[in-house]
PDB file of all heavy atoms in Angstrom:
ATOM      1  N   ASN A   1     -16.997  -6.330 -18.017  1.00  0.00           N
ATOM      2  CA  ASN A   1     -16.302  -5.049 -17.812  1.00  0.00           C
ATOM      3  C   ASN A   1     -16.166  -4.739 -16.324  1.00  0.00           C
ATOM      4  O   ASN A   1     -15.119  -4.284 -15.872  1.00  0.00           O
ATOM      5  CB  ASN A   1     -17.048  -3.912 -18.520  1.00  0.00           C
ATOM      6  CG  ASN A   1     -16.943  -3.994 -20.034  1.00  0.00           C
ATOM      7  OD1 ASN A   1     -16.064  -4.654 -20.571  1.00  0.00           O
ATOM      8  ND2 ASN A   1     -17.852  -3.329 -20.716  1.00  0.00           N
ATOM      9  N   ILE A   2     -17.230  -4.979 -15.578  1.00  0.00           N
ATOM     10  CA  ILE A   2     -17.191  -4.741 -14.132  1.00  0.00           C
ATOM     11  C   ILE A   2     -16.172  -5.666 -13.478  1.00  0.00           C
ATOM     12  O   ILE A   2     -15.400  -5.247 -12.607  1.00  0.00           O
ATOM     13  CB  ILE A   2     -18.594  -4.922 -13.517  1.00  0.00           C
ATOM     14  CG1 ILE A   2     -19.514  -3.787 -13.970  1.00  0.00           C
ATOM     15  CG2 ILE A   2     -18.520  -4.988 -11.994  1.00  0.00           C
ATOM     16  CD1 ILE A   2     -20.968  -3.994 -13.602  1.00  0.00           C
ATOM     17  N   ASP A   3     -16.139  -6.927 -13.916  1.00  0.00           N
ATOM     18  CA  ASP A   3     -15.177  -7.880 -13.364  1.00  0.00           C
ATOM     19  C   ASP A   3     -13.750  -7.423 -13.633  1.00  0.00           C
ATOM     20  O   ASP A   3     -12.880  -7.501 -12.759  1.00  0.00           O
ATOM     21  CB  ASP A   3     -15.422  -9.265 -13.969  1.00  0.00           C
ATOM     22  CG  ASP A   3     -14.593 -10.335 -13.299  1.00  0.00           C
ATOM     23  OD1 ASP A   3     -14.507 -10.333 -12.059  1.00  0.00           O
ATOM     24  OD2 ASP A   3     -14.032 -11.180 -14.029  1.00  0.00           O
ATOM     25  N   GLN A   4     -13.497  -6.921 -14.830  1.00  0.00           N
ATOM     26  CA  GLN A   4     -12.161  -6.421 -15.164  1.00  0.00           C
ATOM     27  C   GLN A   4     -11.791  -5.217 -14.308  1.00  0.00           C
ATOM     28  O   GLN A   4     -10.664  -5.104 -13.823  1.00  0.00           O
ATOM     29  CB  GLN A   4     -12.092  -6.047 -16.655  1.00  0.00           C
ATOM     30  CG  GLN A   4     -10.736  -5.575 -17.105  1.00  0.00           C
ATOM     31  CD  GLN A   4      -9.675  -6.643 -16.943  1.00  0.00           C
ATOM     32  OE1 GLN A   4      -9.916  -7.813 -17.177  1.00  0.00           O
ATOM     33  NE2 GLN A   4      -8.488  -6.240 -16.520  1.00  0.00           N
ATOM     34  N   ARG A   5     -12.763  -4.325 -14.102  1.00  0.00           N
ATOM     35  CA  ARG A   5     -12.499  -3.150 -13.257  1.00  0.00           C
ATOM     36  C   ARG A   5     -12.203  -3.571 -11.825  1.00  0.00           C
ATOM     37  O   ARG A   5     -11.312  -3.013 -11.168  1.00  0.00           O
ATOM     38  CB  ARG A   5     -13.692  -2.200 -13.285  1.00  0.00           C
ATOM     39  CG  ARG A   5     -13.834  -1.459 -14.588  1.00  0.00           C
ATOM     40  CD  ARG A   5     -15.010  -0.536 -14.561  1.00  0.00           C
ATOM     41  NE  ARG A   5     -15.217   0.107 -15.852  1.00  0.00           N
ATOM     42  CZ  ARG A   5     -16.241   0.875 -16.138  1.00  0.00           C
ATOM     43  NH1 ARG A   5     -17.163   1.116 -15.229  1.00  0.00           N
ATOM     44  NH2 ARG A   5     -16.352   1.416 -17.336  1.00  0.00           N
ATOM     45  N   LEU A   6     -12.960  -4.541 -11.311  1.00  0.00           N
ATOM     46  CA  LEU A   6     -12.717  -5.016  -9.947  1.00  0.00           C
ATOM     47  C   LEU A   6     -11.333  -5.645  -9.827  1.00  0.00           C
ATOM     48  O   LEU A   6     -10.638  -5.457  -8.814  1.00  0.00           O
ATOM     49  CB  LEU A   6     -13.797  -6.021  -9.538  1.00  0.00           C
ATOM     50  CG  LEU A   6     -15.173  -5.441  -9.250  1.00  0.00           C
ATOM     51  CD1 LEU A   6     -16.168  -6.547  -8.952  1.00  0.00           C
ATOM     52  CD2 LEU A   6     -15.117  -4.471  -8.081  1.00  0.00           C
ATOM     53  N   THR A   7     -10.918  -6.369 -10.855  1.00  0.00           N
ATOM     54  CA  THR A   7      -9.574  -6.952 -10.848  1.00  0.00           C
ATOM     55  C   THR A   7      -8.519  -5.852 -10.804  1.00  0.00           C
ATOM     56  O   THR A   7      -7.539  -5.947 -10.052  1.00  0.00           O
ATOM     57  CB  THR A   7      -9.378  -7.839 -12.097  1.00  0.00           C
ATOM     58  OG1 THR A   7     -10.375  -8.869 -12.094  1.00  0.00           O
ATOM     59  CG2 THR A   7      -8.013  -8.464 -12.121  1.00  0.00           C
ATOM     60  N   ASN A   8      -8.722  -4.797 -11.592  1.00  0.00           N
ATOM     61  CA  ASN A   8      -7.781  -3.672 -11.577  1.00  0.00           C
ATOM     62  C   ASN A   8      -7.752  -2.979 -10.223  1.00  0.00           C
ATOM     63  O   ASN A   8      -6.686  -2.596  -9.733  1.00  0.00           O
ATOM     64  CB  ASN A   8      -8.142  -2.669 -12.671  1.00  0.00           C
ATOM     65  CG  ASN A   8      -7.918  -3.219 -14.065  1.00  0.00           C
ATOM     66  OD1 ASN A   8      -7.191  -4.185 -14.251  1.00  0.00           O
ATOM     67  ND2 ASN A   8      -8.552  -2.611 -15.046  1.00  0.00           N
ATOM     68  N   ILE A   9      -8.922  -2.811  -9.611  1.00  0.00           N
ATOM     69  CA  ILE A   9      -8.997  -2.166  -8.289  1.00  0.00           C
ATOM     70  C   ILE A   9      -8.298  -3.033  -7.247  1.00  0.00           C
ATOM     71  O   ILE A   9      -7.557  -2.520  -6.393  1.00  0.00           O
ATOM     72  CB  ILE A   9     -10.468  -1.897  -7.908  1.00  0.00           C
ATOM     73  CG1 ILE A   9     -11.035  -0.782  -8.794  1.00  0.00           C
ATOM     74  CG2 ILE A   9     -10.592  -1.536  -6.437  1.00  0.00           C
ATOM     75  CD1 ILE A   9     -12.540  -0.596  -8.665  1.00  0.00           C
ATOM     76  N   GLU A  10      -8.504  -4.353  -7.308  1.00  0.00           N
ATOM     77  CA  GLU A  10      -7.836  -5.245  -6.362  1.00  0.00           C
ATOM     78  C   GLU A  10      -6.320  -5.165  -6.516  1.00  0.00           C
ATOM     79  O   GLU A  10      -5.583  -5.169  -5.521  1.00  0.00           O
ATOM     80  CB  GLU A  10      -8.317  -6.685  -6.569  1.00  0.00           C
ATOM     81  CG  GLU A  10      -9.733  -6.927  -6.095  1.00  0.00           C
ATOM     82  CD  GLU A  10     -10.252  -8.308  -6.468  1.00  0.00           C
ATOM     83  OE1 GLU A  10      -9.617  -8.999  -7.299  1.00  0.00           O
ATOM     84  OE2 GLU A  10     -11.300  -8.684  -5.943  1.00  0.00           O
ATOM     85  N   SER A  11      -5.863  -5.087  -7.745  1.00  0.00           N
ATOM     86  CA  SER A  11      -4.419  -4.963  -7.986  1.00  0.00           C
ATOM     87  C   SER A  11      -3.895  -3.650  -7.412  1.00  0.00           C
ATOM     88  O   SER A  11      -2.836  -3.614  -6.767  1.00  0.00           O
ATOM     89  CB  SER A  11      -4.144  -5.039  -9.490  1.00  0.00           C
ATOM     90  OG  SER A  11      -2.785  -4.823  -9.760  1.00  0.00           O
ATOM     91  N   LEU A  12      -4.634  -2.576  -7.653  1.00  0.00           N
ATOM     92  CA  LEU A  12      -4.238  -1.264  -7.124  1.00  0.00           C
ATOM     93  C   LEU A  12      -4.204  -1.279  -5.601  1.00  0.00           C
ATOM     94  O   LEU A  12      -3.262  -0.749  -4.985  1.00  0.00           O
ATOM     95  CB  LEU A  12      -5.206  -0.187  -7.619  1.00  0.00           C
ATOM     96  CG  LEU A  12      -4.959   1.229  -7.108  1.00  0.00           C
ATOM     97  CD1 LEU A  12      -3.613   1.747  -7.601  1.00  0.00           C
ATOM     98  CD2 LEU A  12      -6.087   2.147  -7.540  1.00  0.00           C
ATOM     99  N   LEU A  13      -5.208  -1.885  -4.985  1.00  0.00           N
ATOM    100  CA  LEU A  13      -5.225  -1.969  -3.522  1.00  0.00           C
ATOM    101  C   LEU A  13      -4.039  -2.767  -2.997  1.00  0.00           C
ATOM    102  O   LEU A  13      -3.475  -2.441  -1.944  1.00  0.00           O
ATOM    103  CB  LEU A  13      -6.545  -2.584  -3.044  1.00  0.00           C
ATOM    104  CG  LEU A  13      -7.776  -1.695  -3.169  1.00  0.00           C
ATOM    105  CD1 LEU A  13      -9.032  -2.463  -2.776  1.00  0.00           C
ATOM    106  CD2 LEU A  13      -7.641  -0.442  -2.330  1.00  0.00           C
ATOM    107  N   GLY A  14      -3.661  -3.804  -3.722  1.00  0.00           N
ATOM    108  CA  GLY A  14      -2.484  -4.579  -3.323  1.00  0.00           C
ATOM    109  C   GLY A  14      -1.234  -3.716  -3.318  1.00  0.00           C
ATOM    110  O   GLY A  14      -0.442  -3.752  -2.366  1.00  0.00           O
ATOM    111  N   TRP A  15      -1.061  -2.923  -4.379  1.00  0.00           N
ATOM    112  CA  TRP A  15       0.102  -2.030  -4.437  1.00  0.00           C
ATOM    113  C   TRP A  15       0.027  -0.960  -3.357  1.00  0.00           C
ATOM    114  O   TRP A  15       1.053  -0.593  -2.763  1.00  0.00           O
ATOM    115  CB  TRP A  15       0.204  -1.379  -5.819  1.00  0.00           C
ATOM    116  CG  TRP A  15       0.839  -2.285  -6.824  1.00  0.00           C
ATOM    117  CD1 TRP A  15       0.235  -2.962  -7.827  1.00  0.00           C
ATOM    118  CD2 TRP A  15       2.213  -2.640  -6.879  1.00  0.00           C
ATOM    119  NE1 TRP A  15       1.130  -3.706  -8.515  1.00  0.00           N
ATOM    120  CE2 TRP A  15       2.374  -3.531  -7.962  1.00  0.00           C
ATOM    121  CE3 TRP A  15       3.337  -2.296  -6.128  1.00  0.00           C
ATOM    122  CZ2 TRP A  15       3.602  -4.079  -8.296  1.00  0.00           C
ATOM    123  CZ3 TRP A  15       4.555  -2.839  -6.474  1.00  0.00           C
ATOM    124  CH2 TRP A  15       4.684  -3.711  -7.546  1.00  0.00           C
ATOM    125  N   LEU A  16      -1.157  -0.436  -3.090  1.00  0.00           N
ATOM    126  CA  LEU A  16      -1.300   0.578  -2.035  1.00  0.00           C
ATOM    127  C   LEU A  16      -0.948  -0.003  -0.666  1.00  0.00           C
ATOM    128  O   LEU A  16      -0.357   0.695   0.173  1.00  0.00           O
ATOM    129  CB  LEU A  16      -2.717   1.146  -2.029  1.00  0.00           C
ATOM    130  CG  LEU A  16      -3.073   2.064  -3.204  1.00  0.00           C
ATOM    131  CD1 LEU A  16      -4.539   2.478  -3.120  1.00  0.00           C
ATOM    132  CD2 LEU A  16      -2.168   3.285  -3.229  1.00  0.00           C
ATOM    133  N   LYS A  17      -1.282  -1.266  -0.448  1.00  0.00           N
ATOM    134  CA  LYS A  17      -0.907  -1.904   0.819  1.00  0.00           C
ATOM    135  C   LYS A  17       0.609  -1.987   0.947  1.00  0.00           C
ATOM    136  O   LYS A  17       1.174  -1.719   2.007  1.00  0.00           O
ATOM    137  CB  LYS A  17      -1.507  -3.312   0.905  1.00  0.00           C
ATOM    138  CG  LYS A  17      -2.974  -3.345   1.198  1.00  0.00           C
ATOM    139  CD  LYS A  17      -3.459  -4.794   1.249  1.00  0.00           C
ATOM    140  CE  LYS A  17      -4.947  -4.888   1.384  1.00  0.00           C
ATOM    141  NZ  LYS A  17      -5.406  -6.287   1.373  1.00  0.00           N
ATOM    142  N   VAL A  18       1.268  -2.360  -0.141  1.00  0.00           N
ATOM    143  CA  VAL A  18       2.733  -2.476  -0.116  1.00  0.00           C
ATOM    144  C   VAL A  18       3.356  -1.110   0.128  1.00  0.00           C
ATOM    145  O   VAL A  18       4.240  -0.955   0.986  1.00  0.00           O
ATOM    146  CB  VAL A  18       3.242  -3.090  -1.444  1.00  0.00           C
ATOM    147  CG1 VAL A  18       4.754  -2.980  -1.545  1.00  0.00           C
ATOM    148  CG2 VAL A  18       2.784  -4.527  -1.565  1.00  0.00           C
ATOM    149  N   ILE A  19       2.897  -0.107  -0.618  1.00  0.00           N
ATOM    150  CA  ILE A  19       3.445   1.248  -0.459  1.00  0.00           C
ATOM    151  C   ILE A  19       3.137   1.791   0.935  1.00  0.00           C
ATOM    152  O   ILE A  19       3.997   2.388   1.591  1.00  0.00           O
ATOM    153  CB  ILE A  19       2.896   2.178  -1.563  1.00  0.00           C
ATOM    154  CG1 ILE A  19       3.447   1.742  -2.921  1.00  0.00           C
ATOM    155  CG2 ILE A  19       3.228   3.633  -1.279  1.00  0.00           C
ATOM    156  CD1 ILE A  19       2.793   2.424  -4.101  1.00  0.00           C
ATOM    157  N   GLY A  20       1.902   1.581   1.399  1.00  0.00           N
ATOM    158  CA  GLY A  20       1.520   2.030   2.745  1.00  0.00           C
ATOM    159  C   GLY A  20       2.352   1.350   3.814  1.00  0.00           C
ATOM    160  O   GLY A  20       2.775   1.981   4.789  1.00  0.00           O
ATOM    161  N   GLY A  21       2.625   0.068   3.640  1.00  0.00           N
ATOM    162  CA  GLY A  21       3.465  -0.653   4.602  1.00  0.00           C
ATOM    163  C   GLY A  21       4.876  -0.109   4.618  1.00  0.00           C
ATOM    164  O   GLY A  21       5.490   0.045   5.688  1.00  0.00           O
ATOM    165  N   ALA A  22       5.387   0.211   3.428  1.00  0.00           N
ATOM    166  CA  ALA A  22       6.743   0.766   3.351  1.00  0.00           C
ATOM    167  C   ALA A  22       6.803   2.145   4.002  1.00  0.00           C
ATOM    168  O   ALA A  22       7.740   2.455   4.754  1.00  0.00           O
ATOM    169  CB  ALA A  22       7.191   0.852   1.890  1.00  0.00           C
ATOM    170  N   VAL A  23       5.796   2.990   3.740  1.00  0.00           N
ATOM    171  CA  VAL A  23       5.749   4.322   4.346  1.00  0.00           C
ATOM    172  C   VAL A  23       5.631   4.199   5.858  1.00  0.00           C
ATOM    173  O   VAL A  23       6.296   4.928   6.610  1.00  0.00           O
ATOM    174  CB  VAL A  23       4.586   5.154   3.748  1.00  0.00           C
ATOM    175  CG1 VAL A  23       4.331   6.413   4.561  1.00  0.00           C
ATOM    176  CG2 VAL A  23       4.864   5.493   2.293  1.00  0.00           C
ATOM    177  N   LEU A  24       4.819   3.292   6.329  1.00  0.00           N
ATOM    178  CA  LEU A  24       4.655   3.085   7.771  1.00  0.00           C
ATOM    179  C   LEU A  24       5.964   2.600   8.393  1.00  0.00           C
ATOM    180  O   LEU A  24       6.352   3.073   9.473  1.00  0.00           O
ATOM    181  CB  LEU A  24       3.528   2.069   8.037  1.00  0.00           C
ATOM    182  CG  LEU A  24       3.202   1.794   9.492  1.00  0.00           C
ATOM    183  CD1 LEU A  24       2.718   3.068  10.182  1.00  0.00           C
ATOM    184  CD2 LEU A  24       2.159   0.698   9.606  1.00  0.00           C
ATOM    185  N   ALA A  25       6.645   1.696   7.721  1.00  0.00           N
ATOM    186  CA  ALA A  25       7.923   1.202   8.242  1.00  0.00           C
ATOM    187  C   ALA A  25       8.949   2.329   8.327  1.00  0.00           C
ATOM    188  O   ALA A  25       9.683   2.444   9.318  1.00  0.00           O
ATOM    189  CB  ALA A  25       8.435   0.068   7.357  1.00  0.00           C
ATOM    190  N   ILE A  26       9.000   3.166   7.292  1.00  0.00           N
ATOM    191  CA  ILE A  26       9.935   4.306   7.314  1.00  0.00           C
ATOM    192  C   ILE A  26       9.576   5.278   8.431  1.00  0.00           C
ATOM    193  O   ILE A  26      10.445   5.763   9.165  1.00  0.00           O
ATOM    194  CB  ILE A  26       9.954   5.005   5.939  1.00  0.00           C
ATOM    195  CG1 ILE A  26      10.578   4.077   4.895  1.00  0.00           C
ATOM    196  CG2 ILE A  26      10.691   6.335   5.999  1.00  0.00           C
ATOM    197  CD1 ILE A  26      10.418   4.558   3.466  1.00  0.00           C
ATOM    198  N   ALA A  27       8.271   5.564   8.573  1.00  0.00           N
ATOM    199  CA  ALA A  27       7.825   6.488   9.626  1.00  0.00           C
ATOM    200  C   ALA A  27       8.166   5.940  11.006  1.00  0.00           C
ATOM    201  O   ALA A  27       8.655   6.679  11.881  1.00  0.00           O
ATOM    202  CB  ALA A  27       6.325   6.742   9.502  1.00  0.00           C
ATOM    203  N   LEU A  28       7.932   4.661  11.226  1.00  0.00           N
ATOM    204  CA  LEU A  28       8.260   4.061  12.522  1.00  0.00           C
ATOM    205  C   LEU A  28       9.769   4.079  12.767  1.00  0.00           C
ATOM    206  O   LEU A  28      10.222   4.303  13.891  1.00  0.00           O
ATOM    207  CB  LEU A  28       7.709   2.632  12.596  1.00  0.00           C
ATOM    208  CG  LEU A  28       6.188   2.515  12.712  1.00  0.00           C
ATOM    209  CD1 LEU A  28       5.764   1.054  12.671  1.00  0.00           C
ATOM    210  CD2 LEU A  28       5.688   3.176  13.996  1.00  0.00           C
ATOM    211  N   SER A  29      10.532   3.869  11.718  1.00  0.00           N
ATOM    212  CA  SER A  29      11.985   3.915  11.854  1.00  0.00           C
ATOM    213  C   SER A  29      12.450   5.322  12.231  1.00  0.00           C
ATOM    214  O   SER A  29      13.314   5.488  13.109  1.00  0.00           O
ATOM    215  CB  SER A  29      12.638   3.481  10.548  1.00  0.00           C
ATOM    216  OG  SER A  29      14.021   3.625  10.620  1.00  0.00           O
ATOM    217  N   LEU A  30      11.866   6.335  11.584  1.00  0.00           N
ATOM    218  CA  LEU A  30      12.238   7.719  11.914  1.00  0.00           C
ATOM    219  C   LEU A  30      11.841   8.064  13.347  1.00  0.00           C
ATOM    220  O   LEU A  30      12.605   8.715  14.071  1.00  0.00           O
ATOM    221  CB  LEU A  30      11.582   8.683  10.932  1.00  0.00           C
ATOM    222  CG  LEU A  30      12.110   8.633   9.491  1.00  0.00           C
ATOM    223  CD1 LEU A  30      11.257   9.525   8.593  1.00  0.00           C
ATOM    224  CD2 LEU A  30      13.570   9.054   9.451  1.00  0.00           C
ATOM    225  N   ILE A  31      10.653   7.628  13.757  1.00  0.00           N
ATOM    226  CA  ILE A  31      10.205   7.888  15.135  1.00  0.00           C
ATOM    227  C   ILE A  31      11.126   7.182  16.122  1.00  0.00           C
ATOM    228  O   ILE A  31      11.520   7.751  17.150  1.00  0.00           O
ATOM    229  CB  ILE A  31       8.737   7.458  15.319  1.00  0.00           C
ATOM    230  CG1 ILE A  31       7.818   8.376  14.510  1.00  0.00           C
ATOM    231  CG2 ILE A  31       8.349   7.457  16.786  1.00  0.00           C
ATOM    232  CD1 ILE A  31       6.382   7.896  14.438  1.00  0.00           C
ATOM    233  N   ALA A  32      11.475   5.941  15.815  1.00  0.00           N
ATOM    234  CA  ALA A  32      12.363   5.190  16.712  1.00  0.00           C
ATOM    235  C   ALA A  32      13.732   5.867  16.802  1.00  0.00           C
ATOM    236  O   ALA A  32      14.309   5.975  17.895  1.00  0.00           O
ATOM    237  CB  ALA A  32      12.507   3.757  16.221  1.00  0.00           C
ATOM    238  N   ASN A  33      14.253   6.333  15.689  1.00  0.00           N
ATOM    239  CA  ASN A  33      15.546   7.038  15.714  1.00  0.00           C
ATOM    240  C   ASN A  33      15.447   8.333  16.501  1.00  0.00           C
ATOM    241  O   ASN A  33      16.367   8.689  17.243  1.00  0.00           O
ATOM    242  CB  ASN A  33      16.027   7.330  14.281  1.00  0.00           C
ATOM    243  CG  ASN A  33      16.539   6.099  13.593  1.00  0.00           C
ATOM    244  OD1 ASN A  33      16.941   5.139  14.247  1.00  0.00           O
ATOM    245  ND2 ASN A  33      16.515   6.106  12.268  1.00  0.00           N
ATOM    246  N   PHE A  34      14.316   9.058  16.349  1.00  0.00           N
ATOM    247  CA  PHE A  34      14.117  10.297  17.087  1.00  0.00           C
ATOM    248  C   PHE A  34      14.069  10.024  18.588  1.00  0.00           C
ATOM    249  O   PHE A  34      14.721  10.720  19.387  1.00  0.00           O
ATOM    250  CB  PHE A  34      12.829  10.981  16.602  1.00  0.00           C
ATOM    251  CG  PHE A  34      12.542  12.285  17.244  1.00  0.00           C
ATOM    252  CD1 PHE A  34      13.296  13.414  16.941  1.00  0.00           C
ATOM    253  CD2 PHE A  34      11.517  12.407  18.174  1.00  0.00           C
ATOM    254  CE1 PHE A  34      13.020  14.628  17.541  1.00  0.00           C
ATOM    255  CE2 PHE A  34      11.248  13.608  18.783  1.00  0.00           C
ATOM    256  CZ  PHE A  34      11.996  14.733  18.466  1.00  0.00           C
TER     257      PHE A  34
END
C-alpha cells in the first residue's frame, strides 16, 4: 500500500513539475513582454 501511494505521489509530482514549468514559462514571457 505504501509503495502504491509513493507511486501516486511521484506521478503527482511529475505533473506538478510540468504545470509549474508551464506557469513559470508564461510568467517569464509576460515579464519579458512588459
